[in-house]
Structure formats: structure tokens, C-alpha cells
Amino acid sequence: MAKLYFRYGAMGSSKTANALMVWFNYKEKGQVPVLLKPRTDTRDGERIIRSRIGLQEPCLYVDEFLEYLDRPESRTFACLKKKSYAAVIVDEAQFLTAQQVDRLSDIVDDFGVPVLCYGLRTDFTGHLFEGSKRLMEIADEIEEVPTVCWCGRRAHYNTRIKDGRVVRTGEQIMLGGNETYVSLCRKHYKEGRISK
């Protein structure tokens, strides 16, 4: 039975690498998965999903894929109806809107195609992103992809940094990598300690 999955973790937990490995596993078995990301994610360029370890694949944008579904004559609609697509895999799912998450759940419920969403649970202030919140509310399976703080404890916080200090105010969405964010446990997030 198809399910809506939300696999979340702090930055650096290999969520994107996991998404790409799942995509590869479907392809290796001769099946057809769909790889998607929100338009908000421009860090690695247009229509590209790239992991920190260098894995990358071309993808579609979530909004354009969902627009295809709204046209019954579209190839996407026909493929889903015939179950030609084995799975829909979404990276950076925290940037989805609640409406997009609901539409992805329709793919599971109406077409019997599993949808696997990978993303952050919370922002740099420890609050849920819109897409993550909706996924936490309606996903059939919720799994943490763990990573660790510098101290060895499980990291839960995506801590924004600037000039070696923790940043606690600003826009919710600011794209960046290791130069902008570190993963910390709750204790060190509260203390603002990004290293020993």
C-alpha cells in the first residue's frame, strides 16, 4: 500500500543523498521514479538536486509537476493513472506549501503511488516550516534521519551562524550551506556554542 513519507533531519544528515539513493534504487530496478524540488531551492541551480557528497540528478519543480496533474490529458496524469510511475521523491520538502503537501497526498490516495518527502523539520529558530508542519500532520510515516552535534549528541537544530556566532533573528528562509548553518543539539543551541 502506498504511503506519504516524511523523512526529516537537521542539516548535514544526508537527507538529499538518501533521496537520490532511493531514486537510484528505483531506476536500477527498471522502474520510473519522479524527482522533484520546490522552486524556492535555488542553491544548486535550476532543476538540479545535489547532495553535499556530490551526488546529483536533474529534477522537476513541484509546482510544475502538480500543474500537469491538473490537466487530465497530460502525460503525467496518464502515467499516474496507469501507475507507470513507481514513486514521487521530493527534496527540500520544508519549502512546500500546505496545499502542495495536500496535493502530494492525493497522489498517494488517488493513484496508489508512494510519495517520499525529505527535508528539514524546523528553521533556525526552532519553529516548523509550513511544508514540514503539514507533513507532520498528515504523513503516514515520519522518520528522522539523524545527525550529531559537535559534542556527539543528536542534533536537532539548524543553527544559522554569521562571523562565528549564532544568529537568532531574520528571515525564515535563507539558503546556505556549511558557511551559514551548523547542526546543534538543544543544549548547545540554547547556549549558542557552535564548537568546543
C-alpha atoms as a PDB file:
ATOM      1  CA  MET A   1       0.000   0.000   0.000  1.00  0.00           C
ATOM      2  CA  ALA A   2       1.312   3.426  -0.987  1.00  0.00           C
ATOM      3  CA  LYS A   3       2.132   5.928   1.744  1.00  0.00           C
ATOM      4  CA  LEU A   4       3.118   9.552   2.211  1.00  0.00           C
ATOM      5  CA  TYR A   5       6.519   9.603   3.923  1.00  0.00           C
ATOM      6  CA  PHE A   6       8.282  12.484   5.652  1.00  0.00           C
ATOM      7  CA  ARG A   7      11.950  11.867   6.341  1.00  0.00           C
ATOM      8  CA  TYR A   8      13.390  14.833   8.198  1.00  0.00           C
ATOM      9  CA  GLY A   9      16.681  15.735   9.783  1.00  0.00           C
ATOM     10  CA  ALA A  10      18.930  18.633  10.664  1.00  0.00           C
ATOM     11  CA  MET A  11      21.322  19.985   8.062  1.00  0.00           C
ATOM     12  CA  GLY A  12      24.114  17.600   7.203  1.00  0.00           C
ATOM     13  CA  SER A  13      22.101  14.461   7.991  1.00  0.00           C
ATOM     14  CA  SER A  14      22.327  13.188   4.387  1.00  0.00           C
ATOM     15  CA  LYS A  15      18.647  13.698   3.533  1.00  0.00           C
ATOM     16  CA  THR A  16      19.397  14.635  -0.083  1.00  0.00           C
ATOM     17  CA  ALA A  17      21.872  11.792  -0.503  1.00  0.00           C
ATOM     18  CA  ASN A  18      19.198   9.420   0.832  1.00  0.00           C
ATOM     19  CA  ALA A  19      16.601  10.824  -1.572  1.00  0.00           C
ATOM     20  CA  LEU A  20      18.969  10.365  -4.500  1.00  0.00           C
ATOM     21  CA  MET A  21      19.849   6.831  -3.409  1.00  0.00           C
ATOM     22  CA  VAL A  22      16.150   5.915  -3.233  1.00  0.00           C
ATOM     23  CA  TRP A  23      15.677   7.423  -6.722  1.00  0.00           C
ATOM     24  CA  PHE A  24      18.644   5.380  -7.977  1.00  0.00           C
ATOM     25  CA  ASN A  25      17.299   2.162  -6.425  1.00  0.00           C
ATOM     26  CA  TYR A  26      14.001   2.554  -8.287  1.00  0.00           C
ATOM     27  CA  LYS A  27      15.849   3.285 -11.550  1.00  0.00           C
ATOM     28  CA  GLU A  28      18.178   0.310 -11.056  1.00  0.00           C
ATOM     29  CA  LYS A  29      15.135  -1.975 -10.768  1.00  0.00           C
ATOM     30  CA  GLY A  30      13.798  -0.680 -14.113  1.00  0.00           C
ATOM     31  CA  GLN A  31      11.084   1.428 -12.510  1.00  0.00           C
ATOM     32  CA  VAL A  32      10.271   5.093 -13.151  1.00  0.00           C
ATOM     33  CA  PRO A  33      10.519   7.440 -10.150  1.00  0.00           C
ATOM     34  CA  VAL A  34       9.878  11.188 -10.345  1.00  0.00           C
ATOM     35  CA  LEU A  35      12.389  13.516  -8.642  1.00  0.00           C
ATOM     36  CA  LEU A  36      11.036  16.915  -7.503  1.00  0.00           C
ATOM     37  CA  LYS A  37      12.064  20.003  -5.548  1.00  0.00           C
ATOM     38  CA  PRO A  38      10.345  23.304  -4.696  1.00  0.00           C
ATOM     39  CA  ARG A  39      11.269  26.377  -6.753  1.00  0.00           C
ATOM     40  CA  THR A  40      12.487  28.030  -3.552  1.00  0.00           C
ATOM     41  CA  ASP A  41      15.551  25.798  -3.560  1.00  0.00           C
ATOM     42  CA  THR A  42      17.904  27.629  -5.930  1.00  0.00           C
ATOM     43  CA  ARG A  43      21.153  26.824  -4.127  1.00  0.00           C
ATOM     44  CA  ASP A  44      22.338  24.214  -6.629  1.00  0.00           C
ATOM     45  CA  GLY A  45      20.803  25.750  -9.739  1.00  0.00           C
ATOM     46  CA  GLU A  46      17.583  25.216 -11.618  1.00  0.00           C
ATOM     47  CA  ARG A  47      16.122  21.733 -11.826  1.00  0.00           C
ATOM     48  CA  ILE A  48      19.095  20.084 -10.103  1.00  0.00           C
ATOM     49  CA  ILE A  49      19.197  18.206  -6.816  1.00  0.00           C
ATOM     50  CA  ARG A  50      22.729  17.924  -5.424  1.00  0.00           C
ATOM     51  CA  SER A  51      23.926  16.391  -2.177  1.00  0.00           C
ATOM     52  CA  ARG A  52      26.885  17.591  -0.142  1.00  0.00           C
ATOM     53  CA  ILE A  53      28.837  14.473  -1.132  1.00  0.00           C
ATOM     54  CA  GLY A  54      28.473  15.267  -4.819  1.00  0.00           C
ATOM     55  CA  LEU A  55      25.561  13.086  -5.933  1.00  0.00           C
ATOM     56  CA  GLN A  56      23.246  14.969  -8.279  1.00  0.00           C
ATOM     57  CA  GLU A  57      20.365  14.443 -10.685  1.00  0.00           C
ATOM     58  CA  PRO A  58      18.069  16.630 -12.753  1.00  0.00           C
ATOM     59  CA  CYS A  59      14.576  17.136 -11.374  1.00  0.00           C
ATOM     60  CA  LEU A  60      11.270  18.871 -11.970  1.00  0.00           C
ATOM     61  CA  TYR A  61       9.758  21.601  -9.838  1.00  0.00           C
ATOM     62  CA  VAL A  62       6.918  20.519  -7.560  1.00  0.00           C
ATOM     63  CA  ASP A  63       4.582  23.250  -8.809  1.00  0.00           C
ATOM     64  CA  GLU A  64       5.047  22.363 -12.486  1.00  0.00           C
ATOM     65  CA  PHE A  65       4.540  18.650 -11.754  1.00  0.00           C
ATOM     66  CA  LEU A  66       1.327  19.379  -9.843  1.00  0.00           C
ATOM     67  CA  GLU A  67       0.131  21.653 -12.669  1.00  0.00           C
ATOM     68  CA  TYR A  68       0.488  18.683 -15.048  1.00  0.00           C
ATOM     69  CA  LEU A  69      -1.799  16.710 -12.756  1.00  0.00           C
ATOM     70  CA  ASP A  70      -4.486  19.375 -13.092  1.00  0.00           C
ATOM     71  CA  ARG A  71      -4.676  18.591 -16.829  1.00  0.00           C
ATOM     72  CA  PRO A  72      -6.269  15.165 -17.327  1.00  0.00           C
ATOM     73  CA  GLU A  73      -4.883  15.000 -20.854  1.00  0.00           C
ATOM     74  CA  SER A  74      -1.308  15.318 -19.613  1.00  0.00           C
ATOM     75  CA  ARG A  75       1.239  12.524 -19.845  1.00  0.00           C
ATOM     76  CA  THR A  76       1.875  12.817 -16.097  1.00  0.00           C
ATOM     77  CA  PHE A  77      -1.792  12.267 -15.271  1.00  0.00           C
ATOM     78  CA  ALA A  78      -1.946   9.273 -17.616  1.00  0.00           C
ATOM     79  CA  CYS A  79       1.249   7.778 -16.156  1.00  0.00           C
ATOM     80  CA  LEU A  80      -0.041   8.136 -12.612  1.00  0.00           C
ATOM     81  CA  LYS A  81      -3.408   6.704 -13.562  1.00  0.00           C
ATOM     82  CA  LYS A  82      -1.704   3.680 -15.146  1.00  0.00           C
ATOM     83  CA  LYS A  83       0.724   3.540 -12.171  1.00  0.00           C
ATOM     84  CA  SER A  84       3.651   3.862 -14.573  1.00  0.00           C
ATOM     85  CA  TYR A  85       5.455   5.996 -12.003  1.00  0.00           C
ATOM     86  CA  ALA A  86       6.849   3.880  -9.190  1.00  0.00           C
ATOM     87  CA  ALA A  87       7.342   6.753  -6.724  1.00  0.00           C
ATOM     88  CA  VAL A  88       7.464  10.515  -6.323  1.00  0.00           C
ATOM     89  CA  ILE A  89      10.531  11.721  -4.408  1.00  0.00           C
ATOM     90  CA  VAL A  90      10.642  15.306  -3.111  1.00  0.00           C
ATOM     91  CA  ASP A  91      13.755  17.030  -1.740  1.00  0.00           C
ATOM     92  CA  GLU A  92      13.719  20.195   0.425  1.00  0.00           C
ATOM     93  CA  ALA A  93      10.096  19.472   1.394  1.00  0.00           C
ATOM     94  CA  GLN A  94      10.166  22.102   4.128  1.00  0.00           C
ATOM     95  CA  PHE A  95       9.695  24.697   1.361  1.00  0.00           C
ATOM     96  CA  LEU A  96       6.401  23.173   0.184  1.00  0.00           C
ATOM     97  CA  THR A  97       3.133  24.943   0.857  1.00  0.00           C
ATOM     98  CA  ALA A  98       0.463  23.154   2.873  1.00  0.00           C
ATOM     99  CA  GLN A  99      -1.630  22.989  -0.310  1.00  0.00           C
ATOM    100  CA  GLN A 100       1.221  21.297  -2.200  1.00  0.00           C
ATOM    101  CA  VAL A 101       1.581  18.710   0.575  1.00  0.00           C
ATOM    102  CA  ASP A 102      -2.151  18.012   0.353  1.00  0.00           C
ATOM    103  CA  ARG A 103      -1.865  17.588  -3.432  1.00  0.00           C
ATOM    104  CA  LEU A 104       1.040  15.170  -2.971  1.00  0.00           C
ATOM    105  CA  SER A 105      -1.128  13.167  -0.568  1.00  0.00           C
ATOM    106  CA  ASP A 106      -3.726  12.951  -3.381  1.00  0.00           C
ATOM    107  CA  ILE A 107      -1.110  11.143  -5.494  1.00  0.00           C
ATOM    108  CA  VAL A 108      -0.847   8.520  -2.745  1.00  0.00           C
ATOM    109  CA  ASP A 109      -4.586   8.237  -2.139  1.00  0.00           C
ATOM    110  CA  ASP A 110      -5.924   8.551  -5.701  1.00  0.00           C
ATOM    111  CA  PHE A 111      -3.207   6.775  -7.677  1.00  0.00           C
ATOM    112  CA  GLY A 112      -1.561   4.421  -5.176  1.00  0.00           C
ATOM    113  CA  VAL A 113       1.893   5.908  -5.827  1.00  0.00           C
ATOM    114  CA  PRO A 114       4.182   6.403  -2.795  1.00  0.00           C
ATOM    115  CA  VAL A 115       5.447   9.930  -2.152  1.00  0.00           C
ATOM    116  CA  LEU A 116       8.701  10.276  -0.199  1.00  0.00           C
ATOM    117  CA  CYS A 117       9.436  13.773   1.121  1.00  0.00           C
ATOM    118  CA  TYR A 118      12.832  14.740   2.549  1.00  0.00           C
ATOM    119  CA  GLY A 119      13.505  17.989   4.368  1.00  0.00           C
ATOM    120  CA  LEU A 120      14.178  19.995   7.471  1.00  0.00           C
ATOM    121  CA  ARG A 121      11.619  19.887  10.257  1.00  0.00           C
ATOM    122  CA  THR A 122      12.385  23.286  11.760  1.00  0.00           C
ATOM    123  CA  ASP A 123      14.018  26.563  10.824  1.00  0.00           C
ATOM    124  CA  PHE A 124      16.969  28.277  12.527  1.00  0.00           C
ATOM    125  CA  THR A 125      14.713  29.489  15.361  1.00  0.00           C
ATOM    126  CA  GLY A 126      13.379  26.005  16.096  1.00  0.00           C
ATOM    127  CA  HIS A 127       9.937  26.601  14.521  1.00  0.00           C
ATOM    128  CA  LEU A 128       8.276  24.385  11.941  1.00  0.00           C
ATOM    129  CA  PHE A 129       8.342  25.301   8.264  1.00  0.00           C
ATOM    130  CA  GLU A 130       4.922  25.328   6.581  1.00  0.00           C
ATOM    131  CA  GLY A 131       5.618  22.241   4.474  1.00  0.00           C
ATOM    132  CA  SER A 132       7.132  20.344   7.404  1.00  0.00           C
ATOM    133  CA  LYS A 133       4.213  21.231   9.642  1.00  0.00           C
ATOM    134  CA  ARG A 134       1.692  19.881   7.153  1.00  0.00           C
ATOM    135  CA  LEU A 135       3.756  16.742   6.592  1.00  0.00           C
ATOM    136  CA  MET A 136       3.960  16.164  10.359  1.00  0.00           C
ATOM    137  CA  GLU A 137       0.157  16.468  10.434  1.00  0.00           C
ATOM    138  CA  ILE A 138      -0.758  14.122   7.568  1.00  0.00           C
ATOM    139  CA  ALA A 139       2.175  11.851   6.645  1.00  0.00           C
ATOM    140  CA  ASP A 140       1.610   8.129   7.033  1.00  0.00           C
ATOM    141  CA  GLU A 141       5.219   7.528   8.073  1.00  0.00           C
ATOM    142  CA  ILE A 142       7.510  10.055   9.788  1.00  0.00           C
ATOM    143  CA  GLU A 143      11.177   9.164  10.179  1.00  0.00           C
ATOM    144  CA  GLU A 144      14.136  11.116  11.491  1.00  0.00           C
ATOM    145  CA  VAL A 145      17.393  10.999   9.536  1.00  0.00           C
ATOM    146  CA  PRO A 146      19.794  11.564  12.451  1.00  0.00           C
ATOM    147  CA  THR A 147      22.962  13.609  12.600  1.00  0.00           C
ATOM    148  CA  VAL A 148      25.120  14.750  15.503  1.00  0.00           C
ATOM    149  CA  CYS A 149      26.200  17.965  17.167  1.00  0.00           C
ATOM    150  CA  TRP A 150      29.901  18.707  17.638  1.00  0.00           C
ATOM    151  CA  CYS A 151      29.548  17.248  21.156  1.00  0.00           C
ATOM    152  CA  GLY A 152      28.299  13.893  19.884  1.00  0.00           C
ATOM    153  CA  ARG A 153      24.658  14.291  20.957  1.00  0.00           C
ATOM    154  CA  ARG A 154      21.867  14.051  18.418  1.00  0.00           C
ATOM    155  CA  ALA A 155      21.497  17.377  16.583  1.00  0.00           C
ATOM    156  CA  HIS A 156      18.001  18.795  16.168  1.00  0.00           C
ATOM    157  CA  TYR A 157      18.689  22.452  15.422  1.00  0.00           C
ATOM    158  CA  ASN A 158      19.642  24.026  12.094  1.00  0.00           C
ATOM    159  CA  THR A 159      21.586  26.895  13.590  1.00  0.00           C
ATOM    160  CA  ARG A 160      22.251  29.946  11.451  1.00  0.00           C
ATOM    161  CA  ILE A 161      25.665  31.489  12.003  1.00  0.00           C
ATOM    162  CA  LYS A 162      27.467  34.630  10.949  1.00  0.00           C
ATOM    163  CA  ASP A 163      31.041  35.534  11.828  1.00  0.00           C
ATOM    164  CA  GLY A 164      31.245  32.520  14.145  1.00  0.00           C
ATOM    165  CA  ARG A 165      28.170  33.493  16.175  1.00  0.00           C
ATOM    166  CA  VAL A 166      24.631  32.125  16.376  1.00  0.00           C
ATOM    167  CA  VAL A 167      22.032  34.270  14.598  1.00  0.00           C
ATOM    168  CA  ARG A 168      18.587  34.240  16.209  1.00  0.00           C
ATOM    169  CA  THR A 169      16.648  36.746  14.080  1.00  0.00           C
ATOM    170  CA  GLY A 170      15.998  37.208  10.386  1.00  0.00           C
ATOM    171  CA  GLU A 171      14.003  35.831   7.500  1.00  0.00           C
ATOM    172  CA  GLN A 172      12.863  32.235   7.885  1.00  0.00           C
ATOM    173  CA  ILE A 173      14.279  31.214   4.521  1.00  0.00           C
ATOM    174  CA  MET A 174      17.919  31.941   3.769  1.00  0.00           C
ATOM    175  CA  LEU A 175      19.658  29.411   1.584  1.00  0.00           C
ATOM    176  CA  GLY A 176      23.151  28.376   2.569  1.00  0.00           C
ATOM    177  CA  GLY A 177      25.486  25.533   3.375  1.00  0.00           C
ATOM    178  CA  ASN A 178      28.200  24.891   5.945  1.00  0.00           C
ATOM    179  CA  GLU A 179      29.262  28.536   5.868  1.00  0.00           C
ATOM    180  CA  THR A 180      25.772  29.614   7.012  1.00  0.00           C
ATOM    181  CA  TYR A 181      24.403  26.754   9.122  1.00  0.00           C
ATOM    182  CA  VAL A 182      25.588  24.193  11.667  1.00  0.00           C
ATOM    183  CA  SER A 183      23.607  21.395  13.308  1.00  0.00           C
ATOM    184  CA  LEU A 184      23.488  21.579  17.102  1.00  0.00           C
ATOM    185  CA  CYS A 185      21.885  19.693  19.963  1.00  0.00           C
ATOM    186  CA  ARG A 186      19.306  21.599  22.018  1.00  0.00           C
ATOM    187  CA  LYS A 187      21.767  22.358  24.847  1.00  0.00           C
ATOM    188  CA  HIS A 188      24.365  23.952  22.589  1.00  0.00           C
ATOM    189  CA  TYR A 189      21.721  25.722  20.514  1.00  0.00           C
ATOM    190  CA  LYS A 190      20.418  27.353  23.706  1.00  0.00           C
ATOM    191  CA  GLU A 191      23.957  28.228  24.807  1.00  0.00           C
ATOM    192  CA  GLY A 192      24.924  29.470  21.349  1.00  0.00           C
ATOM    193  CA  ARG A 193      28.054  27.289  21.323  1.00  0.00           C
ATOM    194  CA  ILE A 194      28.968  26.131  17.814  1.00  0.00           C
ATOM    195  CA  SER A 195      32.179  24.319  18.812  1.00  0.00           C
ATOM    196  CA  LYS A 196      34.300  23.306  21.830  1.00  0.00           C
END
